[in-house]
Every structure is written in structure tokens, then in C-alpha cells.
Amino acid sequence: MKSDPQNHQPVATSGRVVVVGSLNVDLVVGLVRMPAPGETVMGETLERHPGGKGLNQAVAAARLGARVSMIGSLGSDDSGVWLQGIVHEEGIDATRIITADGPSGTALIEVDATGMNRIVVIPGANAALTAADVTAAIAAMDDVAVVLTQGEIPLEAITAAMAAGRACGARTILNPAPVRDYPGSLLALVDFLVPNEHEAAHLSGLPTESLVDASEAARHFTGMGAPNAIITRGARGAVWVSPSSSGSIAAYRVSPVDTVAAGDAFCGGLAAALASGEPLPEALRWASAAGALATTIAGAVPSLPTRDAVEQLLASE
């Protein structure tokens, strides 16, 4: 997709982006290929990175210039202290992150030689975040433009995030990952539903293999109450359906190393662009560029691109 730098309005700080979600320690194993059930294979590397879909998306939005506040729960362990430090380093408001007794969340991530990944998440302290925590935190904030959440925290906290976002006039975004039972009452509170193609197939019961199939699945979600549905399709780009229009956006051409956090970069980019007042088509360009760049570096938080990097990619297409 082509970009005209002369007419392009870059993402800039405007309203606040509030990310309600998980904070995890990612233990990343690099290996040549994934093991089959019951098989043992030799790994090549083991690394520790900050992660969790909530933290990833908060950092993604912050690195694009958004003013970001995070709501979540960390454990009382050393990992919690380490993750709190990461939040501060990224310039994210952490005043509404609570501390719960016990371990912080952990994700076990396998990444093969092609860059594909397989992930197991142990919620830990993330499970302690309550609806009351979320409602009170958002009510205490001003200038909230976007509230973004995901599926790695309790359903009650997710619902409270979307309801509180609506109550304060913000635009609400739900990234329904991982797949779980998201009730129709929740979707009615969501302005932008952003699953990937595998999540969309599970949640809708419809195929998403082709562009036509994915568009039909997106329309299924808008019929369930979410005004805007965006389905990300990895290297095949994304499709979107809104009340007045629909379309698709091609993926930016990069050389992938690790697809971990690509979807989080997309969601963070979308939130940052919408908070700055960008219309949906332009916000999707920013989201797609951020998602593509995140595949070029290993790890979750380490891979999330800066605003300068995204601007360069947009200008090059």
C-alpha cells in the first residue's frame, strides 16, 4: 500500500489510551521445529522477556507517541518488581497497577525456525484483577480516548473495562485472545473487535481462509453487536467491516523472525492512531505497519517498533 508523506498526518499525542490487561514474564524457547505430541526435541536458546498481551499493547501504543495508562495486576515476587520497572521505563502511567500476593503471570513460548510460535499462559497475579479495580481506575482518569483490553484477564474485568470506557465516552477495543466464551452482552460494549483469523473462526464458527470468508466472518461479528470488526490475517493482511464501509489492507513486506506480539503491535498501533483522531483506514495502516515490524525482531516487548520506524515503513511503500 502506498503512502504520501506530504499529505500524511502522523500519529500524535491526543487523548489517553487506557490498556486493561495482563503483564507476564515471557520464557522464550528457540527451536528448529515444534515437537509432536509425546516427542522430545532439543531447544537452541532460552530467553526471558517482559510480555503479556496487556503490557505488549501498552508499550506498542506508547512507542507510537500515545499517552498510555495501564491497569493490571502484578505478583509480589521479583518478576513483579522487574515488570513494574519495564512499565516505568516505557513512560507508561502505572499508578493503577495493583500488587497481588503470589507469583506474577508467566508465558511459556516456543518459536521455531520459521518464526511461528506456540504459547502457554499461566495467569498468576493477572487473575486477581477485579471489575471494581478496573471501574474505579478508569473513573479516576481524565481525557480517556480509547480503552483497550484482551482475554488474558478475568472476564469480569474485561467487561468492566468496556463498560467504563463507554461510560466515559471513550472508544472501546477488544482483542479476543485467547479464545474463550465472550458473551453477546460484552460485544455490545465493544466498538472495535480485533481477532486474528484463527480466533475469528473459533468465535464465529465460520471459515476465514479466503478474503471473502474473512469478510463474512467480520460481518458476523458486526451483526452480534460490535459496530466495527477487524480480522488480522498475518502475512495476508487484514479485513475490516464498519457500519458505513468495508475493505482490506495488504500486509507490509518484511522478513519475519518471530511472530510473537505482532497482533499486540497491531492493536496498540490501532489504539494510538484512533486516540490521535485518525479515521479507521489510516489507523489500520499504522496498525498494519506496527504489526509487520514486530515480526522482524525476536521477543515480545523488544520487538515493538518506535514511531520513527513505523513512519519509515509507511513512507517506503
C-alpha atoms as a PDB file:
ATOM      1  CA  MET A   1       0.000   0.000   0.000  1.00  0.00           C
ATOM      2  CA  LYS A   2       1.355   3.405  -0.999  1.00  0.00           C
ATOM      3  CA  SER A   3       1.792   6.322   1.363  1.00  0.00           C
ATOM      4  CA  ASP A   4       2.126  10.002   0.517  1.00  0.00           C
ATOM      5  CA  PRO A   5       4.368  11.577   3.182  1.00  0.00           C
ATOM      6  CA  GLN A   6       3.370  15.067   2.019  1.00  0.00           C
ATOM      7  CA  ASN A   7      -0.289  14.514   2.887  1.00  0.00           C
ATOM      8  CA  HIS A   8       0.200  12.068   5.743  1.00  0.00           C
ATOM      9  CA  GLN A   9      -0.717  13.136   9.271  1.00  0.00           C
ATOM     10  CA  PRO A  10       1.413  11.141  11.736  1.00  0.00           C
ATOM     11  CA  VAL A  11       0.149   9.646  14.958  1.00  0.00           C
ATOM     12  CA  ALA A  12       0.469  12.287  17.687  1.00  0.00           C
ATOM     13  CA  THR A  13      -0.394  12.536  21.338  1.00  0.00           C
ATOM     14  CA  SER A  14      -4.036  13.413  21.902  1.00  0.00           C
ATOM     15  CA  GLY A  15      -6.433  11.620  24.249  1.00  0.00           C
ATOM     16  CA  ARG A  16      -5.298   8.972  26.700  1.00  0.00           C
ATOM     17  CA  VAL A  17      -5.086   5.288  25.766  1.00  0.00           C
ATOM     18  CA  VAL A  18      -6.015   3.058  28.712  1.00  0.00           C
ATOM     19  CA  VAL A  19      -4.860  -0.536  28.400  1.00  0.00           C
ATOM     20  CA  VAL A  20      -6.513  -3.015  30.751  1.00  0.00           C
ATOM     21  CA  GLY A  21      -4.706  -6.323  30.611  1.00  0.00           C
ATOM     22  CA  SER A  22      -2.052  -8.823  31.532  1.00  0.00           C
ATOM     23  CA  LEU A  23       1.592  -8.413  32.476  1.00  0.00           C
ATOM     24  CA  ASN A  24       3.703 -11.550  32.135  1.00  0.00           C
ATOM     25  CA  VAL A  25       7.238 -12.815  32.155  1.00  0.00           C
ATOM     26  CA  ASP A  26       7.834 -14.495  28.786  1.00  0.00           C
ATOM     27  CA  LEU A  27      10.155 -17.508  28.779  1.00  0.00           C
ATOM     28  CA  VAL A  28      11.000 -17.965  25.105  1.00  0.00           C
ATOM     29  CA  VAL A  29      12.466 -21.218  23.771  1.00  0.00           C
ATOM     30  CA  GLY A  30      14.010 -21.166  20.306  1.00  0.00           C
ATOM     31  CA  LEU A  31      13.986 -24.494  18.467  1.00  0.00           C
ATOM     32  CA  VAL A  32      14.242 -25.813  14.928  1.00  0.00           C
ATOM     33  CA  ARG A  33      10.776 -27.340  14.873  1.00  0.00           C
ATOM     34  CA  MET A  34       7.859 -27.856  17.230  1.00  0.00           C
ATOM     35  CA  PRO A  35       7.667 -31.268  18.955  1.00  0.00           C
ATOM     36  CA  ALA A  36       4.841 -33.634  18.059  1.00  0.00           C
ATOM     37  CA  PRO A  37       2.663 -34.877  20.967  1.00  0.00           C
ATOM     38  CA  GLY A  38       4.816 -37.078  23.196  1.00  0.00           C
ATOM     39  CA  GLU A  39       8.030 -36.133  21.387  1.00  0.00           C
ATOM     40  CA  THR A  40      11.143 -34.553  22.908  1.00  0.00           C
ATOM     41  CA  VAL A  41      13.220 -32.169  20.804  1.00  0.00           C
ATOM     42  CA  MET A  42      16.349 -30.169  21.565  1.00  0.00           C
ATOM     43  CA  GLY A  43      15.960 -26.441  22.088  1.00  0.00           C
ATOM     44  CA  GLU A  44      18.579 -23.940  20.946  1.00  0.00           C
ATOM     45  CA  THR A  45      18.005 -20.851  23.105  1.00  0.00           C
ATOM     46  CA  LEU A  46      16.165 -19.756  26.255  1.00  0.00           C
ATOM     47  CA  GLU A  47      15.447 -16.069  26.886  1.00  0.00           C
ATOM     48  CA  ARG A  48      13.411 -14.040  29.368  1.00  0.00           C
ATOM     49  CA  HIS A  49      11.433 -11.043  28.120  1.00  0.00           C
ATOM     50  CA  PRO A  50       8.705  -8.784  29.517  1.00  0.00           C
ATOM     51  CA  GLY A  51       5.357  -9.608  27.976  1.00  0.00           C
ATOM     52  CA  GLY A  52       1.675 -10.283  28.467  1.00  0.00           C
ATOM     53  CA  LYS A  53      -0.816  -9.054  25.900  1.00  0.00           C
ATOM     54  CA  GLY A  54      -1.726  -6.056  28.047  1.00  0.00           C
ATOM     55  CA  LEU A  55       1.845  -4.900  28.574  1.00  0.00           C
ATOM     56  CA  ASN A  56       2.732  -5.566  24.926  1.00  0.00           C
ATOM     57  CA  GLN A  57      -0.167  -3.451  23.679  1.00  0.00           C
ATOM     58  CA  ALA A  58       0.517  -0.665  26.164  1.00  0.00           C
ATOM     59  CA  VAL A  59       4.165  -0.475  25.090  1.00  0.00           C
ATOM     60  CA  ALA A  60       3.185  -0.607  21.407  1.00  0.00           C
ATOM     61  CA  ALA A  61       0.876   2.397  21.832  1.00  0.00           C
ATOM     62  CA  ALA A  62       3.405   4.311  23.957  1.00  0.00           C
ATOM     63  CA  ARG A  63       6.213   3.843  21.438  1.00  0.00           C
ATOM     64  CA  LEU A  64       3.968   5.372  18.782  1.00  0.00           C
ATOM     65  CA  GLY A  65       3.613   8.523  20.858  1.00  0.00           C
ATOM     66  CA  ALA A  66       0.341   7.842  22.669  1.00  0.00           C
ATOM     67  CA  ARG A  67      -0.195   8.872  26.282  1.00  0.00           C
ATOM     68  CA  VAL A  68      -0.800   5.480  27.920  1.00  0.00           C
ATOM     69  CA  SER A  69      -2.108   4.350  31.306  1.00  0.00           C
ATOM     70  CA  MET A  70      -2.094   0.682  32.266  1.00  0.00           C
ATOM     71  CA  ILE A  71      -4.482  -1.164  34.562  1.00  0.00           C
ATOM     72  CA  GLY A  72      -3.426  -4.654  35.637  1.00  0.00           C
ATOM     73  CA  SER A  73      -2.120  -6.867  38.432  1.00  0.00           C
ATOM     74  CA  LEU A  74       1.428  -7.943  39.259  1.00  0.00           C
ATOM     75  CA  GLY A  75       2.625 -10.549  41.736  1.00  0.00           C
ATOM     76  CA  SER A  76       4.567  -9.888  44.921  1.00  0.00           C
ATOM     77  CA  ASP A  77       7.626 -11.675  43.507  1.00  0.00           C
ATOM     78  CA  ASP A  78      10.830 -10.441  41.880  1.00  0.00           C
ATOM     79  CA  SER A  79       9.184 -10.753  38.473  1.00  0.00           C
ATOM     80  CA  GLY A  80       6.555  -8.236  39.545  1.00  0.00           C
ATOM     81  CA  VAL A  81       9.228  -5.725  40.537  1.00  0.00           C
ATOM     82  CA  TRP A  82      11.031  -6.271  37.233  1.00  0.00           C
ATOM     83  CA  LEU A  83       7.863  -5.822  35.159  1.00  0.00           C
ATOM     84  CA  GLN A  84       6.877  -2.673  37.088  1.00  0.00           C
ATOM     85  CA  GLY A  85      10.264  -1.248  36.153  1.00  0.00           C
ATOM     86  CA  ILE A  86       9.651  -2.002  32.474  1.00  0.00           C
ATOM     87  CA  VAL A  87       6.354  -0.110  32.590  1.00  0.00           C
ATOM     88  CA  HIS A  88       8.082   2.940  34.052  1.00  0.00           C
ATOM     89  CA  GLU A  89      10.937   2.750  31.539  1.00  0.00           C
ATOM     90  CA  GLU A  90       8.429   2.909  28.682  1.00  0.00           C
ATOM     91  CA  GLY A  91       6.823   6.078  30.062  1.00  0.00           C
ATOM     92  CA  ILE A  92       3.524   4.361  30.837  1.00  0.00           C
ATOM     93  CA  ASP A  93       1.410   5.523  33.791  1.00  0.00           C
ATOM     94  CA  ALA A  94       1.497   2.615  36.265  1.00  0.00           C
ATOM     95  CA  THR A  95      -0.391   4.159  39.182  1.00  0.00           C
ATOM     96  CA  ARG A  96      -3.355   1.818  38.660  1.00  0.00           C
ATOM     97  CA  ILE A  97      -1.386  -1.436  38.519  1.00  0.00           C
ATOM     98  CA  ILE A  98      -2.140  -3.379  41.706  1.00  0.00           C
ATOM     99  CA  THR A  99       0.051  -5.932  43.508  1.00  0.00           C
ATOM    100  CA  ALA A 100      -1.393  -9.306  44.494  1.00  0.00           C
ATOM    101  CA  ASP A 101       0.182 -11.900  46.784  1.00  0.00           C
ATOM    102  CA  GLY A 102       1.816 -14.712  44.862  1.00  0.00           C
ATOM    103  CA  PRO A 103       3.584 -15.108  41.519  1.00  0.00           C
ATOM    104  CA  SER A 104       3.273 -12.832  38.512  1.00  0.00           C
ATOM    105  CA  GLY A 105       1.890 -14.159  35.241  1.00  0.00           C
ATOM    106  CA  THR A 106       4.163 -16.293  33.070  1.00  0.00           C
ATOM    107  CA  ALA A 107       4.049 -17.335  29.422  1.00  0.00           C
ATOM    108  CA  LEU A 108       5.958 -20.301  28.002  1.00  0.00           C
ATOM    109  CA  ILE A 109       6.659 -19.582  24.329  1.00  0.00           C
ATOM    110  CA  GLU A 110       8.147 -21.880  21.700  1.00  0.00           C
ATOM    111  CA  VAL A 111       9.409 -20.267  18.488  1.00  0.00           C
ATOM    112  CA  ASP A 112      10.535 -22.447  15.574  1.00  0.00           C
ATOM    113  CA  ALA A 113      12.990 -21.742  12.763  1.00  0.00           C
ATOM    114  CA  THR A 114      10.230 -20.279  10.540  1.00  0.00           C
ATOM    115  CA  GLY A 115       9.219 -17.719  13.190  1.00  0.00           C
ATOM    116  CA  MET A 116       5.945 -19.441  14.080  1.00  0.00           C
ATOM    117  CA  ASN A 117       5.097 -19.742  17.762  1.00  0.00           C
ATOM    118  CA  ARG A 118       3.163 -21.791  20.298  1.00  0.00           C
ATOM    119  CA  ILE A 119       2.260 -20.263  23.671  1.00  0.00           C
ATOM    120  CA  VAL A 120       1.033 -21.443  27.083  1.00  0.00           C
ATOM    121  CA  VAL A 121      -0.018 -18.706  29.539  1.00  0.00           C
ATOM    122  CA  ILE A 122      -0.168 -19.179  33.338  1.00  0.00           C
ATOM    123  CA  PRO A 123      -2.224 -16.196  34.628  1.00  0.00           C
ATOM    124  CA  GLY A 124      -0.723 -15.857  38.119  1.00  0.00           C
ATOM    125  CA  ALA A 125      -1.494 -12.404  39.529  1.00  0.00           C
ATOM    126  CA  ASN A 126      -3.413 -11.413  36.392  1.00  0.00           C
ATOM    127  CA  ALA A 127      -6.327 -13.459  37.730  1.00  0.00           C
ATOM    128  CA  ALA A 128      -6.582 -11.129  40.747  1.00  0.00           C
ATOM    129  CA  LEU A 129      -7.713  -8.094  38.735  1.00  0.00           C
ATOM    130  CA  THR A 130     -11.366  -7.348  39.594  1.00  0.00           C
ATOM    131  CA  ALA A 131     -14.172  -5.426  37.932  1.00  0.00           C
ATOM    132  CA  ALA A 132     -14.137  -2.981  40.857  1.00  0.00           C
ATOM    133  CA  ASP A 133     -10.413  -2.326  40.332  1.00  0.00           C
ATOM    134  CA  VAL A 134     -10.998  -1.527  36.679  1.00  0.00           C
ATOM    135  CA  THR A 135     -14.119   0.590  37.105  1.00  0.00           C
ATOM    136  CA  ALA A 136     -12.564   2.741  39.827  1.00  0.00           C
ATOM    137  CA  ALA A 137      -9.330   3.216  37.903  1.00  0.00           C
ATOM    138  CA  ILE A 138     -10.979   4.395  34.687  1.00  0.00           C
ATOM    139  CA  ALA A 139     -13.433   6.635  36.553  1.00  0.00           C
ATOM    140  CA  ALA A 140     -10.477   8.407  38.186  1.00  0.00           C
ATOM    141  CA  MET A 141      -8.832   9.258  34.841  1.00  0.00           C
ATOM    142  CA  ASP A 142      -9.465  12.223  32.601  1.00  0.00           C
ATOM    143  CA  ASP A 143      -9.216  12.658  28.839  1.00  0.00           C
ATOM    144  CA  VAL A 144      -9.672   8.947  28.097  1.00  0.00           C
ATOM    145  CA  ALA A 145      -9.958   8.497  24.322  1.00  0.00           C
ATOM    146  CA  VAL A 146      -9.535   4.719  23.920  1.00  0.00           C
ATOM    147  CA  VAL A 147      -9.897   1.748  26.271  1.00  0.00           C
ATOM    148  CA  LEU A 148      -8.193  -1.424  25.005  1.00  0.00           C
ATOM    149  CA  THR A 149      -8.386  -4.871  26.576  1.00  0.00           C
ATOM    150  CA  GLN A 150      -7.725  -8.543  25.789  1.00  0.00           C
ATOM    151  CA  GLY A 151      -8.566 -12.032  27.014  1.00  0.00           C
ATOM    152  CA  GLU A 152      -5.762 -12.778  29.496  1.00  0.00           C
ATOM    153  CA  ILE A 153      -7.576 -11.248  32.492  1.00  0.00           C
ATOM    154  CA  PRO A 154     -10.864 -12.287  34.165  1.00  0.00           C
ATOM    155  CA  LEU A 155     -13.996 -11.859  32.063  1.00  0.00           C
ATOM    156  CA  GLU A 156     -15.497  -9.587  34.731  1.00  0.00           C
ATOM    157  CA  ALA A 157     -12.536  -7.220  34.396  1.00  0.00           C
ATOM    158  CA  ILE A 158     -12.800  -7.258  30.596  1.00  0.00           C
ATOM    159  CA  THR A 159     -16.500  -6.400  30.754  1.00  0.00           C
ATOM    160  CA  ALA A 160     -15.873  -3.654  33.305  1.00  0.00           C
ATOM    161  CA  ALA A 161     -13.200  -2.138  31.040  1.00  0.00           C
ATOM    162  CA  MET A 162     -15.553  -1.942  28.074  1.00  0.00           C
ATOM    163  CA  ALA A 163     -18.451  -0.638  30.186  1.00  0.00           C
ATOM    164  CA  ALA A 164     -16.312   2.017  31.887  1.00  0.00           C
ATOM    165  CA  GLY A 165     -14.895   3.046  28.529  1.00  0.00           C
ATOM    166  CA  ARG A 166     -18.370   3.530  27.125  1.00  0.00           C
ATOM    167  CA  ALA A 167     -19.444   5.424  30.250  1.00  0.00           C
ATOM    168  CA  CYS A 168     -16.647   7.995  29.851  1.00  0.00           C
ATOM    169  CA  GLY A 169     -17.196   8.426  26.117  1.00  0.00           C
ATOM    170  CA  ALA A 170     -14.088   6.561  25.006  1.00  0.00           C
ATOM    171  CA  ARG A 171     -13.815   4.223  22.035  1.00  0.00           C
ATOM    172  CA  THR A 172     -13.529   0.609  23.179  1.00  0.00           C
ATOM    173  CA  ILE A 173     -11.357  -2.112  21.623  1.00  0.00           C
ATOM    174  CA  LEU A 174     -11.423  -5.821  22.460  1.00  0.00           C
ATOM    175  CA  ASN A 175      -8.732  -8.181  21.226  1.00  0.00           C
ATOM    176  CA  PRO A 176     -10.413 -11.548  21.993  1.00  0.00           C
ATOM    177  CA  ALA A 177      -7.223 -13.503  22.549  1.00  0.00           C
ATOM    178  CA  PRO A 178      -7.001 -16.152  23.722  1.00  0.00           C
ATOM    179  CA  VAL A 179     -10.298 -17.606  22.552  1.00  0.00           C
ATOM    180  CA  ARG A 180     -12.850 -18.029  25.328  1.00  0.00           C
ATOM    181  CA  ASP A 181     -16.606 -17.626  25.776  1.00  0.00           C
ATOM    182  CA  TYR A 182     -17.207 -13.931  25.084  1.00  0.00           C
ATOM    183  CA  PRO A 183     -20.938 -13.269  25.646  1.00  0.00           C
ATOM    184  CA  GLY A 184     -23.039 -11.153  23.315  1.00  0.00           C
ATOM    185  CA  SER A 185     -23.624  -8.673  26.141  1.00  0.00           C
ATOM    186  CA  LEU A 186     -19.886  -7.944  26.119  1.00  0.00           C
ATOM    187  CA  LEU A 187     -19.725  -7.481  22.356  1.00  0.00           C
ATOM    188  CA  ALA A 188     -22.474  -4.865  22.640  1.00  0.00           C
ATOM    189  CA  LEU A 189     -19.981  -2.743  24.639  1.00  0.00           C
ATOM    190  CA  VAL A 190     -17.186  -3.097  22.069  1.00  0.00           C
ATOM    191  CA  ASP A 191     -16.620  -0.503  19.335  1.00  0.00           C
ATOM    192  CA  PHE A 192     -13.769  -2.389  17.617  1.00  0.00           C
ATOM    193  CA  LEU A 193     -13.441  -6.182  17.805  1.00  0.00           C
ATOM    194  CA  VAL A 194      -9.972  -7.299  16.634  1.00  0.00           C
ATOM    195  CA  PRO A 195      -9.446 -11.097  16.463  1.00  0.00           C
ATOM    196  CA  ASN A 196      -6.909 -12.830  14.261  1.00  0.00           C
ATOM    197  CA  GLU A 197      -8.208 -15.221  11.623  1.00  0.00           C
ATOM    198  CA  HIS A 198      -7.911 -18.298  13.866  1.00  0.00           C
ATOM    199  CA  GLU A 199      -9.733 -16.609  16.754  1.00  0.00           C
ATOM    200  CA  ALA A 200     -12.373 -15.312  14.346  1.00  0.00           C
ATOM    201  CA  ALA A 201     -13.010 -18.819  13.005  1.00  0.00           C
ATOM    202  CA  HIS A 202     -13.415 -20.230  16.526  1.00  0.00           C
ATOM    203  CA  LEU A 203     -15.663 -17.420  17.726  1.00  0.00           C
ATOM    204  CA  SER A 204     -17.866 -17.192  14.642  1.00  0.00           C
ATOM    205  CA  GLY A 205     -17.933 -20.825  13.540  1.00  0.00           C
ATOM    206  CA  LEU A 206     -17.186 -19.586  10.018  1.00  0.00           C
ATOM    207  CA  PRO A 207     -14.179 -20.224   7.777  1.00  0.00           C
ATOM    208  CA  THR A 208     -11.649 -17.427   7.362  1.00  0.00           C
ATOM    209  CA  GLU A 209      -9.262 -18.930   4.803  1.00  0.00           C
ATOM    210  CA  SER A 210     -10.116 -16.623   1.912  1.00  0.00           C
ATOM    211  CA  LEU A 211     -10.607 -12.864   1.777  1.00  0.00           C
ATOM    212  CA  VAL A 212     -14.324 -13.406   1.142  1.00  0.00           C
ATOM    213  CA  ASP A 213     -14.595 -15.839   4.071  1.00  0.00           C
ATOM    214  CA  ALA A 214     -12.807 -13.458   6.439  1.00  0.00           C
ATOM    215  CA  SER A 215     -15.049 -10.569   5.371  1.00  0.00           C
ATOM    216  CA  GLU A 216     -18.117 -12.702   6.037  1.00  0.00           C
ATOM    217  CA  ALA A 217     -16.819 -13.572   9.500  1.00  0.00           C
ATOM    218  CA  ALA A 218     -16.253  -9.866  10.194  1.00  0.00           C
ATOM    219  CA  ARG A 219     -19.858  -9.148   9.186  1.00  0.00           C
ATOM    220  CA  HIS A 220     -20.949 -11.902  11.567  1.00  0.00           C
ATOM    221  CA  PHE A 221     -19.351 -10.011  14.455  1.00  0.00           C
ATOM    222  CA  THR A 222     -20.918  -6.695  13.469  1.00  0.00           C
ATOM    223  CA  GLY A 223     -24.259  -8.495  13.433  1.00  0.00           C
ATOM    224  CA  MET A 224     -23.603  -9.609  17.019  1.00  0.00           C
ATOM    225  CA  GLY A 225     -23.274  -6.031  18.236  1.00  0.00           C
ATOM    226  CA  ALA A 226     -19.695  -4.829  17.627  1.00  0.00           C
ATOM    227  CA  PRO A 227     -20.015  -1.910  15.151  1.00  0.00           C
ATOM    228  CA  ASN A 228     -16.528  -2.454  13.727  1.00  0.00           C
ATOM    229  CA  ALA A 229     -14.804  -5.806  13.212  1.00  0.00           C
ATOM    230  CA  ILE A 230     -11.188  -6.148  12.073  1.00  0.00           C
ATOM    231  CA  ILE A 231      -9.720  -9.589  11.356  1.00  0.00           C
ATOM    232  CA  THR A 232      -5.938  -9.796  11.127  1.00  0.00           C
ATOM    233  CA  ARG A 233      -4.553 -12.439   8.766  1.00  0.00           C
ATOM    234  CA  GLY A 234      -0.804 -12.340   9.298  1.00  0.00           C
ATOM    235  CA  ALA A 235       1.125 -12.092   6.028  1.00  0.00           C
ATOM    236  CA  ARG A 236      -2.193 -11.854   4.170  1.00  0.00           C
ATOM    237  CA  GLY A 237      -3.072  -8.513   5.730  1.00  0.00           C
ATOM    238  CA  ALA A 238      -6.385  -7.691   7.402  1.00  0.00           C
ATOM    239  CA  VAL A 239     -10.053  -7.203   6.557  1.00  0.00           C
ATOM    240  CA  TRP A 240     -12.466  -4.804   8.223  1.00  0.00           C
ATOM    241  CA  VAL A 241     -16.164  -4.074   8.295  1.00  0.00           C
ATOM    242  CA  SER A 242     -17.698  -0.924   9.772  1.00  0.00           C
ATOM    243  CA  PRO A 243     -21.250   0.487   9.739  1.00  0.00           C
ATOM    244  CA  SER A 244     -20.658   2.542   6.575  1.00  0.00           C
ATOM    245  CA  SER A 245     -17.879   0.709   4.737  1.00  0.00           C
ATOM    246  CA  SER A 246     -15.627  -2.326   4.499  1.00  0.00           C
ATOM    247  CA  GLY A 247     -12.319  -3.236   2.944  1.00  0.00           C
ATOM    248  CA  SER A 248      -8.973  -4.948   3.238  1.00  0.00           C
ATOM    249  CA  ILE A 249      -5.384  -3.875   3.744  1.00  0.00           C
ATOM    250  CA  ALA A 250      -2.349  -5.747   2.456  1.00  0.00           C
ATOM    251  CA  ALA A 251       0.443  -6.726   4.794  1.00  0.00           C
ATOM    252  CA  TYR A 252       3.679  -4.763   4.630  1.00  0.00           C
ATOM    253  CA  ARG A 253       6.560  -6.753   3.167  1.00  0.00           C
ATOM    254  CA  VAL A 254       9.172  -7.644   5.790  1.00  0.00           C
ATOM    255  CA  SER A 255      11.434 -10.597   6.602  1.00  0.00           C
ATOM    256  CA  PRO A 256       9.883 -12.244   9.685  1.00  0.00           C
ATOM    257  CA  VAL A 257      11.995 -13.629  12.508  1.00  0.00           C
ATOM    258  CA  ASP A 258       9.415 -14.166  15.268  1.00  0.00           C
ATOM    259  CA  THR A 259       5.657 -13.541  15.095  1.00  0.00           C
ATOM    260  CA  VAL A 260       5.256 -13.192  18.886  1.00  0.00           C
ATOM    261  CA  ALA A 261       3.455  -9.901  19.723  1.00  0.00           C
ATOM    262  CA  ALA A 262       2.679  -8.992  16.098  1.00  0.00           C
ATOM    263  CA  GLY A 263      -1.028  -8.939  16.922  1.00  0.00           C
ATOM    264  CA  ASP A 264      -0.333  -6.869  20.034  1.00  0.00           C
ATOM    265  CA  ALA A 265       1.648  -4.351  17.979  1.00  0.00           C
ATOM    266  CA  PHE A 266      -1.321  -4.133  15.602  1.00  0.00           C
ATOM    267  CA  CYS A 267      -3.781  -3.478  18.442  1.00  0.00           C
ATOM    268  CA  GLY A 268      -1.511  -0.949  20.148  1.00  0.00           C
ATOM    269  CA  GLY A 269      -0.985   0.844  16.864  1.00  0.00           C
ATOM    270  CA  LEU A 270      -4.707   0.918  16.198  1.00  0.00           C
ATOM    271  CA  ALA A 271      -5.428   2.341  19.664  1.00  0.00           C
ATOM    272  CA  ALA A 272      -2.726   5.020  19.355  1.00  0.00           C
ATOM    273  CA  ALA A 273      -3.933   6.140  15.940  1.00  0.00           C
ATOM    274  CA  LEU A 274      -7.613   6.244  16.950  1.00  0.00           C
ATOM    275  CA  ALA A 275      -6.730   8.207  20.103  1.00  0.00           C
ATOM    276  CA  SER A 276      -4.989  10.811  17.949  1.00  0.00           C
ATOM    277  CA  GLY A 277      -8.107  11.242  15.809  1.00  0.00           C
ATOM    278  CA  GLU A 278      -7.106   9.221  12.756  1.00  0.00           C
ATOM    279  CA  PRO A 279     -10.000   7.767  10.673  1.00  0.00           C
ATOM    280  CA  LEU A 280     -10.217   3.970  10.603  1.00  0.00           C
ATOM    281  CA  PRO A 281      -8.485   3.409   7.217  1.00  0.00           C
ATOM    282  CA  GLU A 282      -5.463   5.475   8.278  1.00  0.00           C
ATOM    283  CA  ALA A 283      -5.426   3.878  11.738  1.00  0.00           C
ATOM    284  CA  LEU A 284      -5.324   0.465  10.064  1.00  0.00           C
ATOM    285  CA  ARG A 285      -2.262   1.483   8.043  1.00  0.00           C
ATOM    286  CA  TRP A 286      -0.452   2.395  11.251  1.00  0.00           C
ATOM    287  CA  ALA A 287      -1.601  -0.816  12.925  1.00  0.00           C
ATOM    288  CA  SER A 288      -0.512  -2.968   9.989  1.00  0.00           C
ATOM    289  CA  ALA A 289       2.902  -1.335   9.778  1.00  0.00           C
ATOM    290  CA  ALA A 290       3.469  -1.782  13.519  1.00  0.00           C
ATOM    291  CA  GLY A 291       2.390  -5.420  13.331  1.00  0.00           C
ATOM    292  CA  ALA A 292       4.701  -6.137  10.416  1.00  0.00           C
ATOM    293  CA  LEU A 293       7.740  -4.558  12.064  1.00  0.00           C
ATOM    294  CA  ALA A 294       7.142  -6.550  15.263  1.00  0.00           C
ATOM    295  CA  THR A 295       7.862  -9.774  13.347  1.00  0.00           C
ATOM    296  CA  THR A 296      11.381  -8.651  12.439  1.00  0.00           C
ATOM    297  CA  ILE A 297      12.838  -8.828  15.983  1.00  0.00           C
ATOM    298  CA  ALA A 298      12.692 -11.717  18.467  1.00  0.00           C
ATOM    299  CA  GLY A 299      10.710 -11.402  21.687  1.00  0.00           C
ATOM    300  CA  ALA A 300       7.541  -9.550  22.632  1.00  0.00           C
ATOM    301  CA  VAL A 301       8.334  -6.120  24.122  1.00  0.00           C
ATOM    302  CA  PRO A 302      11.772  -5.984  22.434  1.00  0.00           C
ATOM    303  CA  SER A 303      10.104  -6.307  19.016  1.00  0.00           C
ATOM    304  CA  LEU A 304       7.597  -3.469  19.365  1.00  0.00           C
ATOM    305  CA  PRO A 305       8.503  -0.677  16.927  1.00  0.00           C
ATOM    306  CA  THR A 306       9.028   3.013  17.547  1.00  0.00           C
ATOM    307  CA  ARG A 307       7.077   5.760  15.843  1.00  0.00           C
ATOM    308  CA  ASP A 308      10.095   6.611  13.668  1.00  0.00           C
ATOM    309  CA  ALA A 309      10.340   3.018  12.434  1.00  0.00           C
ATOM    310  CA  VAL A 310       6.649   2.909  11.548  1.00  0.00           C
ATOM    311  CA  GLU A 311       6.838   6.251   9.745  1.00  0.00           C
ATOM    312  CA  GLN A 312       9.787   4.994   7.692  1.00  0.00           C
ATOM    313  CA  LEU A 313       7.905   1.853   6.664  1.00  0.00           C
ATOM    314  CA  LEU A 314       4.796   3.837   5.735  1.00  0.00           C
ATOM    315  CA  ALA A 315       6.886   6.209   3.618  1.00  0.00           C
ATOM    316  CA  SER A 316       8.642   3.351   1.836  1.00  0.00           C
ATOM    317  CA  GLU A 317       5.534   1.638   0.471  1.00  0.00           C
END
